[in-house]
Amino acid sequence: MGHVGLGKAFAAVLQSRGYLLAQGDRRSHVAVDYRGEVYAIARYTGAKTKDVRKRLGDEMAFPSVGEAKARHAERMTEMLRHHVRGAEERRSSEAANLLQFRKQVVVRQRAERTQLESDHGARQAREAQERAKRFARGLRALWHRVTGRHAKTREQNEREACEGLLRDRAERDTLVHRQLDERRALHQQIKRMRREHADQVAELHRDIASFHEHSVDKSPERGKRDKEKFLREERSTRRSRRSRDDEPSHEI
């Protein structure tokens, strides 16, 4: 295998491990990792520079350190953008599942309240009939009025009816409070999911910006375009996050 072929083979092996073979500024061949760190092949292999050049061929056949950094930045940026898209897709899926669960909760809670109202109505009617049976009929009813027993029975019935209403109200309040706690817990879960997603996407955008900074293309026009694109994405993320977090909790 010739020097050129050996150099390309060595470059392919390096690339499979996350490095790019490049021409050093002051040395022969160097390897550049995705962070932009530069490693002199001769120094890290213990070989002499002339031997490395003899084995791998002319270093000028390989990209410069700056070009290698730019390639890493481009590749890593695309990978990170892929992760951003994946995070968005996962958030959409999780949001859809939570939305469906929220609808199920609303339907179930409404059915629980309707059932409780129905049970209260049936029980109130049944208890009213039982209280009405306490009143005597005919001559005995007249006698109970004369002796005051009718008045005592009426007072007992009124007291029990009031107690029944208070009992029903307490049961209804207990149900409502339990349902509100369930809704608040669900709302917190939704907010936590949105916050975690926003933090994850923001971190990915910061990583993208960091890789752009490692790029050697520092021309004002290119730097301006990258910065404007990054800022647009950040503003879009923040607007989306604010609009979702500002949703009223009663919609849960």
Protein backbone atom coordinates (compact mmCIF):
# COMPACT_ATOMS: atom_id res chain seq x y z
CA MET A 1 0.00 0.00 0.00
CA GLY A 2 1.39 3.41 -0.96
CA HIS A 3 1.88 6.35 1.36
CA VAL A 4 -1.31 7.99 0.13
CA GLY A 5 -3.30 4.79 0.59
CA LEU A 6 -1.88 4.25 4.09
CA GLY A 7 -2.67 7.84 5.01
CA LYS A 8 -6.28 7.48 3.86
CA ALA A 9 -6.63 4.17 5.70
CA PHE A 10 -5.24 5.70 8.88
CA ALA A 11 -7.57 8.69 8.46
CA ALA A 12 -10.55 6.31 8.10
CA VAL A 13 -9.60 4.50 11.31
CA LEU A 14 -9.27 7.80 13.16
CA GLN A 15 -12.61 9.00 11.84
CA SER A 16 -14.32 5.82 13.04
CA ARG A 17 -13.11 6.78 16.52
CA GLY A 18 -14.24 10.40 16.32
CA TYR A 19 -11.03 12.03 15.05
CA LEU A 20 -10.11 13.74 11.81
CA LEU A 21 -6.60 13.51 10.35
CA ALA A 22 -5.30 16.97 9.50
CA GLN A 23 -2.16 18.95 8.71
CA GLY A 24 -0.67 20.59 11.76
CA ASP A 25 0.36 24.23 11.88
CA ARG A 26 3.85 23.49 13.22
CA ARG A 27 3.94 19.71 13.20
CA SER A 28 3.36 16.99 10.66
CA HIS A 29 0.08 15.13 10.85
CA VAL A 30 -2.32 15.77 13.72
CA ALA A 31 -5.67 14.38 14.84
CA VAL A 32 -8.54 16.72 15.77
CA ASP A 33 -11.41 15.59 18.00
CA TYR A 34 -14.98 16.93 18.06
CA ARG A 35 -14.08 19.40 20.84
CA GLY A 36 -11.43 20.97 18.63
CA GLU A 37 -8.52 19.50 20.60
CA VAL A 38 -5.42 18.84 18.50
CA TYR A 39 -3.16 15.80 19.00
CA ALA A 40 0.20 15.46 17.24
CA ILE A 41 0.44 11.96 15.74
CA ALA A 42 4.20 11.79 16.27
CA ARG A 43 3.98 12.81 19.90
CA TYR A 44 1.13 10.46 20.85
CA THR A 45 2.51 7.47 18.97
CA GLY A 46 6.12 7.99 20.01
CA ALA A 47 7.25 8.01 16.38
CA LYS A 48 9.50 10.57 14.76
CA THR A 49 7.89 13.27 12.68
CA LYS A 50 9.81 12.27 9.53
CA ASP A 51 8.69 8.66 9.99
CA VAL A 52 5.05 9.73 10.36
CA ARG A 53 5.33 11.85 7.21
CA LYS A 54 6.98 8.95 5.40
CA ARG A 55 4.23 6.53 6.44
CA LEU A 56 1.21 8.77 5.96
CA GLY A 57 2.43 10.87 3.06
CA ASP A 58 2.39 14.63 2.61
CA GLU A 59 0.26 16.25 5.33
CA MET A 60 -0.81 18.90 2.82
CA ALA A 61 -3.10 16.27 1.30
CA PHE A 62 -5.26 16.48 4.40
CA PRO A 63 -7.45 19.34 5.64
CA SER A 64 -6.04 22.03 7.88
CA VAL A 65 -6.80 22.06 11.60
CA GLY A 66 -9.29 24.85 11.02
CA GLU A 67 -11.06 22.90 8.28
CA ALA A 68 -11.18 19.79 10.46
CA LYS A 69 -12.75 21.80 13.28
CA ALA A 70 -15.30 23.22 10.84
CA ARG A 71 -16.21 19.72 9.63
CA HIS A 72 -16.64 18.53 13.21
CA ALA A 73 -18.80 21.55 13.98
CA GLU A 74 -20.99 20.93 10.94
CA ARG A 75 -21.39 17.24 11.70
CA MET A 76 -22.05 17.75 15.41
CA THR A 77 -24.48 20.59 14.69
CA GLU A 78 -26.52 18.34 12.42
CA MET A 79 -26.46 15.59 15.05
CA LEU A 80 -27.64 18.02 17.70
CA ARG A 81 -30.37 19.34 15.42
CA HIS A 82 -31.46 15.73 14.94
CA HIS A 83 -31.63 15.39 18.73
CA VAL A 84 -33.69 18.60 18.89
CA ARG A 85 -36.14 17.18 16.36
CA GLY A 86 -36.27 13.94 18.33
CA ALA A 87 -36.94 15.85 21.54
CA GLU A 88 -39.74 17.78 19.82
CA GLU A 89 -41.30 14.55 18.55
CA ARG A 90 -41.11 12.96 22.01
CA ARG A 91 -42.65 16.05 23.58
CA SER A 92 -45.47 15.99 21.04
CA SER A 93 -46.12 12.32 21.75
CA GLU A 94 -46.03 12.81 25.53
CA ALA A 95 -48.22 15.91 25.26
CA ALA A 96 -50.78 13.99 23.18
CA ASN A 97 -50.86 11.19 25.75
CA LEU A 98 -51.27 13.64 28.61
CA LEU A 99 -53.98 15.52 26.74
CA GLN A 100 -55.89 12.29 26.19
CA PHE A 101 -55.45 11.36 29.85
CA ARG A 102 -56.62 14.85 30.86
CA LYS A 103 -59.81 14.43 28.83
CA GLN A 104 -60.42 11.06 30.45
CA VAL A 105 -59.96 12.62 33.89
CA VAL A 106 -62.45 15.40 33.11
CA VAL A 107 -65.06 12.91 31.84
CA ARG A 108 -64.57 10.60 34.82
CA GLN A 109 -64.74 13.41 37.38
CA ARG A 110 -67.89 14.82 35.78
CA ALA A 111 -69.47 11.34 35.95
CA GLU A 112 -68.46 11.03 39.62
CA ARG A 113 -70.17 14.33 40.48
CA THR A 114 -73.28 13.39 38.52
CA GLN A 115 -73.44 10.02 40.27
CA LEU A 116 -73.03 11.62 43.69
CA GLU A 117 -75.82 14.10 42.98
CA SER A 118 -78.05 11.23 41.86
CA ASP A 119 -77.23 9.22 45.01
CA HIS A 120 -77.94 12.25 47.20
CA GLY A 121 -81.28 12.85 45.51
CA ALA A 122 -82.35 9.23 45.94
CA ARG A 123 -81.25 9.17 49.57
CA GLN A 124 -82.97 12.47 50.38
CA ALA A 125 -86.24 11.18 48.88
CA ARG A 126 -85.98 7.92 50.80
CA GLU A 127 -85.22 9.65 54.11
CA ALA A 128 -88.05 12.16 53.56
CA GLN A 129 -90.50 9.28 53.15
CA GLU A 130 -89.21 7.64 56.31
CA ARG A 131 -89.63 10.88 58.26
CA ALA A 132 -93.14 11.40 56.91
CA LYS A 133 -94.17 7.99 58.29
CA ARG A 134 -93.56 9.28 61.81
CA PHE A 135 -96.64 11.47 61.66
CA ALA A 136 -99.82 9.79 62.83
CA ARG A 137 -103.06 9.83 60.84
CA GLY A 138 -106.67 10.30 61.70
CA LEU A 139 -107.74 10.83 65.32
CA ARG A 140 -104.29 9.89 66.54
CA ALA A 141 -102.84 12.80 64.57
CA LEU A 142 -105.25 15.17 66.33
CA TRP A 143 -104.28 13.72 69.69
CA HIS A 144 -100.57 14.17 68.89
CA ARG A 145 -101.20 17.80 68.04
CA VAL A 146 -102.98 18.35 71.33
CA THR A 147 -100.28 16.63 73.37
CA GLY A 148 -97.40 18.33 71.53
CA ARG A 149 -95.99 15.11 70.11
CA HIS A 150 -96.64 16.29 66.56
CA ALA A 151 -94.48 19.38 67.15
CA LYS A 152 -91.65 17.28 68.60
CA THR A 153 -91.78 14.94 65.63
CA ARG A 154 -91.70 17.89 63.24
CA GLU A 155 -88.68 19.35 65.02
CA GLN A 156 -86.91 15.98 64.87
CA ASN A 157 -87.63 15.67 61.17
CA GLU A 158 -86.40 19.19 60.46
CA ARG A 159 -83.23 18.59 62.45
CA GLU A 160 -82.50 15.32 60.64
CA ALA A 161 -83.24 16.91 57.27
CA CYS A 162 -80.75 19.71 58.05
CA GLU A 163 -78.17 17.17 59.18
CA GLY A 164 -78.71 15.25 55.97
CA LEU A 165 -78.12 18.36 53.86
CA LEU A 166 -74.91 19.12 55.79
CA ARG A 167 -73.78 15.54 55.34
CA ASP A 168 -74.42 15.66 51.60
CA ARG A 169 -72.60 18.98 51.32
CA ALA A 170 -69.59 17.56 53.18
CA GLU A 171 -69.51 14.55 50.87
CA ARG A 172 -69.73 16.80 47.83
CA ASP A 173 -66.94 19.05 49.15
CA THR A 174 -64.74 16.02 49.84
CA LEU A 175 -65.24 14.80 46.28
CA VAL A 176 -64.54 18.23 44.78
CA HIS A 177 -61.37 18.70 46.84
CA ARG A 178 -60.11 15.26 45.84
CA GLN A 179 -60.77 16.01 42.19
CA LEU A 180 -59.03 19.39 42.44
CA ASP A 181 -55.98 17.73 44.00
CA GLU A 182 -55.93 15.24 41.14
CA ARG A 183 -56.15 18.04 38.58
CA ARG A 184 -53.42 20.06 40.27
CA ALA A 185 -51.14 17.01 40.30
CA LEU A 186 -51.80 16.46 36.60
CA HIS A 187 -51.17 20.15 35.87
CA GLN A 188 -47.85 19.98 37.71
CA GLN A 189 -46.92 16.89 35.71
CA ILE A 190 -47.66 18.72 32.46
CA LYS A 191 -45.67 21.80 33.56
CA ARG A 192 -42.74 19.62 34.66
CA MET A 193 -42.73 17.82 31.30
CA ARG A 194 -42.74 21.15 29.43
CA ARG A 195 -40.02 22.61 31.64
CA GLU A 196 -37.79 19.55 31.23
CA HIS A 197 -38.32 19.61 27.47
CA ALA A 198 -37.56 23.34 27.25
CA ASP A 199 -34.39 22.89 29.32
CA GLN A 200 -33.29 19.97 27.15
CA VAL A 201 -33.87 21.88 23.91
CA ALA A 202 -32.14 24.98 25.31
CA GLU A 203 -29.12 22.87 26.27
CA LEU A 204 -28.99 21.40 22.78
CA HIS A 205 -29.16 24.89 21.27
CA ARG A 206 -26.31 26.00 23.53
CA ASP A 207 -24.29 23.01 22.34
CA ILE A 208 -25.01 23.97 18.75
CA ALA A 209 -23.82 27.52 19.43
CA SER A 210 -20.71 26.16 21.13
CA PHE A 211 -19.82 24.04 18.10
CA HIS A 212 -20.35 27.07 15.85
CA GLU A 213 -17.84 28.95 18.00
CA HIS A 214 -15.31 26.17 17.41
CA SER A 215 -15.69 26.57 13.68
CA VAL A 216 -12.74 28.30 12.02
CA ASP A 217 -14.95 30.31 9.65
CA LYS A 218 -14.92 33.51 11.65
CA SER A 219 -15.96 35.79 8.81
CA PRO A 220 -18.26 38.56 10.11
CA GLU A 221 -21.00 37.69 7.63
CA ARG A 222 -20.99 33.94 8.49
CA GLY A 223 -20.78 34.65 12.20
CA LYS A 224 -23.66 37.10 11.94
CA ARG A 225 -25.84 34.58 10.09
CA ASP A 226 -25.12 31.82 12.61
CA LYS A 227 -25.84 34.10 15.53
CA GLU A 228 -29.09 35.37 14.04
CA LYS A 229 -30.25 31.82 13.29
CA PHE A 230 -29.41 30.67 16.80
CA LEU A 231 -31.19 33.66 18.37
CA ARG A 232 -34.29 33.02 16.24
CA GLU A 233 -34.42 29.42 17.45
CA GLU A 234 -33.94 30.49 21.07
CA ARG A 235 -36.71 33.13 20.82
CA SER A 236 -39.04 30.60 19.21
CA THR A 237 -38.35 28.10 22.01
CA ARG A 238 -38.96 30.71 24.71
CA ARG A 239 -42.22 31.90 23.11
CA SER A 240 -43.47 28.35 22.79
CA ARG A 241 -42.55 27.64 26.41
CA ARG A 242 -44.27 30.79 27.71
CA SER A 243 -47.46 30.16 25.73
CA ARG A 244 -47.74 26.62 27.09
CA ASP A 245 -46.92 27.53 30.69
CA ASP A 246 -49.47 30.35 30.62
CA GLU A 247 -52.35 27.99 29.89
CA PRO A 248 -54.98 28.20 32.67
CA SER A 249 -55.07 25.25 35.03
CA HIS A 250 -58.86 24.90 34.74
CA GLU A 251 -58.38 23.50 31.27
CA ILE A 252 -56.63 20.44 32.66
